[in-house]
Amino acid sequence: MAKWIPGAAIFGLLCLMVIPAPGIWGVLIGAACVLAIVGSLCMLLLDRTATAILAWRSRARQTRGNRARAVRAGFGMTRKV
């Protein structure tokens, strides 16, 4: 989701507090704002979790790659296995 969606939803909720909408329209607008805020927070949490997992995997691959053993293939040449 775009970064401006939670801000717009919070602004919408604040507007509903200052100028209340009548009846079901106020409930629908408020529910849409709350769903936008909760949805964007869930997406942010998912994005951070995925980024942390990918960073952990790349660090694990780098350290595993450094431990590769070298096998002699001839005079003055090495080959990684």
C-alpha atoms as a PDB file:
ATOM      1  CA  MET A   1       0.000   0.000   0.000  1.00  0.00           C
ATOM      2  CA  ALA A   2       1.082   3.558  -0.509  1.00  0.00           C
ATOM      3  CA  LYS A   3       2.543   5.406   2.440  1.00  0.00           C
ATOM      4  CA  TRP A   4      -0.093   8.149   2.261  1.00  0.00           C
ATOM      5  CA  ILE A   5      -3.065   5.798   2.790  1.00  0.00           C
ATOM      6  CA  PRO A   6      -2.752   5.516   6.596  1.00  0.00           C
ATOM      7  CA  GLY A   7      -2.327   9.276   6.860  1.00  0.00           C
ATOM      8  CA  ALA A   8      -5.417   9.881   4.758  1.00  0.00           C
ATOM      9  CA  ALA A   9      -7.368   7.359   6.833  1.00  0.00           C
ATOM     10  CA  ILE A  10      -6.328   9.011  10.098  1.00  0.00           C
ATOM     11  CA  PHE A  11      -7.277  12.381   8.624  1.00  0.00           C
ATOM     12  CA  GLY A  12     -10.663  10.918   7.680  1.00  0.00           C
ATOM     13  CA  LEU A  13     -11.218   9.650  11.219  1.00  0.00           C
ATOM     14  CA  LEU A  14     -10.274  13.040  12.646  1.00  0.00           C
ATOM     15  CA  CYS A  15     -12.703  14.717  10.244  1.00  0.00           C
ATOM     16  CA  LEU A  16     -15.424  12.342  11.422  1.00  0.00           C
ATOM     17  CA  MET A  17     -14.702  13.371  15.003  1.00  0.00           C
ATOM     18  CA  VAL A  18     -14.967  17.083  14.172  1.00  0.00           C
ATOM     19  CA  ILE A  19     -17.832  16.901  11.640  1.00  0.00           C
ATOM     20  CA  PRO A  20     -19.770  13.692  12.280  1.00  0.00           C
ATOM     21  CA  ALA A  21     -21.489  12.053   9.340  1.00  0.00           C
ATOM     22  CA  PRO A  22     -25.106  11.065   9.945  1.00  0.00           C
ATOM     23  CA  GLY A  23     -26.218   7.487  10.532  1.00  0.00           C
ATOM     24  CA  ILE A  24     -24.890   4.628   8.493  1.00  0.00           C
ATOM     25  CA  TRP A  25     -22.635   6.866   6.396  1.00  0.00           C
ATOM     26  CA  GLY A  26     -20.551   7.753   9.427  1.00  0.00           C
ATOM     27  CA  VAL A  27     -20.245   4.097  10.365  1.00  0.00           C
ATOM     28  CA  LEU A  28     -19.237   3.111   6.824  1.00  0.00           C
ATOM     29  CA  ILE A  29     -16.680   5.902   6.480  1.00  0.00           C
ATOM     30  CA  GLY A  30     -15.220   5.148   9.910  1.00  0.00           C
ATOM     31  CA  ALA A  31     -15.033   1.429   9.176  1.00  0.00           C
ATOM     32  CA  ALA A  32     -13.312   2.074   5.843  1.00  0.00           C
ATOM     33  CA  CYS A  33     -10.753   4.311   7.561  1.00  0.00           C
ATOM     34  CA  VAL A  34     -10.079   1.771  10.292  1.00  0.00           C
ATOM     35  CA  LEU A  35      -9.731  -1.044   7.744  1.00  0.00           C
ATOM     36  CA  ALA A  36      -7.278   1.061   5.726  1.00  0.00           C
ATOM     37  CA  ILE A  37      -5.170   1.732   8.823  1.00  0.00           C
ATOM     38  CA  VAL A  38      -5.177  -1.902   9.990  1.00  0.00           C
ATOM     39  CA  GLY A  39      -4.501  -3.211   6.468  1.00  0.00           C
ATOM     40  CA  SER A  40      -1.563  -0.872   5.949  1.00  0.00           C
ATOM     41  CA  LEU A  41      -0.106  -1.828   9.331  1.00  0.00           C
ATOM     42  CA  CYS A  42      -0.385  -5.521   8.431  1.00  0.00           C
ATOM     43  CA  MET A  43       1.318  -4.896   5.093  1.00  0.00           C
ATOM     44  CA  LEU A  44       4.077  -2.935   6.825  1.00  0.00           C
ATOM     45  CA  LEU A  45       4.621  -5.771   9.297  1.00  0.00           C
ATOM     46  CA  LEU A  46       4.680  -8.327   6.465  1.00  0.00           C
ATOM     47  CA  ASP A  47       7.156  -6.210   4.498  1.00  0.00           C
ATOM     48  CA  ARG A  48       9.504  -5.828   7.462  1.00  0.00           C
ATOM     49  CA  THR A  49       9.321  -9.547   8.242  1.00  0.00           C
ATOM     50  CA  ALA A  50      10.064 -10.512   4.632  1.00  0.00           C
ATOM     51  CA  THR A  51      12.964  -8.053   4.488  1.00  0.00           C
ATOM     52  CA  ALA A  52      14.442  -9.465   7.701  1.00  0.00           C
ATOM     53  CA  ILE A  53      14.130 -13.042   6.407  1.00  0.00           C
ATOM     54  CA  LEU A  54      15.782 -12.144   3.092  1.00  0.00           C
ATOM     55  CA  ALA A  55      18.603 -10.302   4.863  1.00  0.00           C
ATOM     56  CA  TRP A  56      19.139 -13.290   7.162  1.00  0.00           C
ATOM     57  CA  ARG A  57      19.250 -15.674   4.186  1.00  0.00           C
ATOM     58  CA  SER A  58      21.774 -13.523   2.313  1.00  0.00           C
ATOM     59  CA  ARG A  59      24.018 -13.334   5.398  1.00  0.00           C
ATOM     60  CA  ALA A  60      23.761 -17.095   5.841  1.00  0.00           C
ATOM     61  CA  ARG A  61      24.722 -17.706   2.214  1.00  0.00           C
ATOM     62  CA  GLN A  62      27.718 -15.367   2.447  1.00  0.00           C
ATOM     63  CA  THR A  63      29.128 -17.085   5.512  1.00  0.00           C
ATOM     64  CA  ARG A  64      28.528 -20.523   4.002  1.00  0.00           C
ATOM     65  CA  GLY A  65      30.306 -19.460   0.794  1.00  0.00           C
ATOM     66  CA  ASN A  66      33.394 -18.365   2.717  1.00  0.00           C
ATOM     67  CA  ARG A  67      33.803 -21.827   4.235  1.00  0.00           C
ATOM     68  CA  ALA A  68      34.103 -23.618   0.882  1.00  0.00           C
ATOM     69  CA  ARG A  69      37.152 -25.838   0.781  1.00  0.00           C
ATOM     70  CA  ALA A  70      39.737 -25.499  -1.928  1.00  0.00           C
ATOM     71  CA  VAL A  71      40.925 -28.550  -3.837  1.00  0.00           C
ATOM     72  CA  ARG A  72      44.235 -28.523  -5.646  1.00  0.00           C
ATOM     73  CA  ALA A  73      43.814 -28.940  -9.372  1.00  0.00           C
ATOM     74  CA  GLY A  74      47.463 -28.650 -10.319  1.00  0.00           C
ATOM     75  CA  PHE A  75      50.552 -26.550  -9.820  1.00  0.00           C
ATOM     76  CA  GLY A  76      49.581 -23.046  -8.659  1.00  0.00           C
ATOM     77  CA  MET A  77      45.825 -23.463  -9.366  1.00  0.00           C
ATOM     78  CA  THR A  78      42.932 -24.110  -6.987  1.00  0.00           C
ATOM     79  CA  ARG A  79      39.338 -25.027  -7.595  1.00  0.00           C
ATOM     80  CA  LYS A  80      36.482 -24.449  -5.114  1.00  0.00           C
ATOM     81  CA  VAL A  81      34.147 -27.332  -4.399  1.00  0.00           C
END
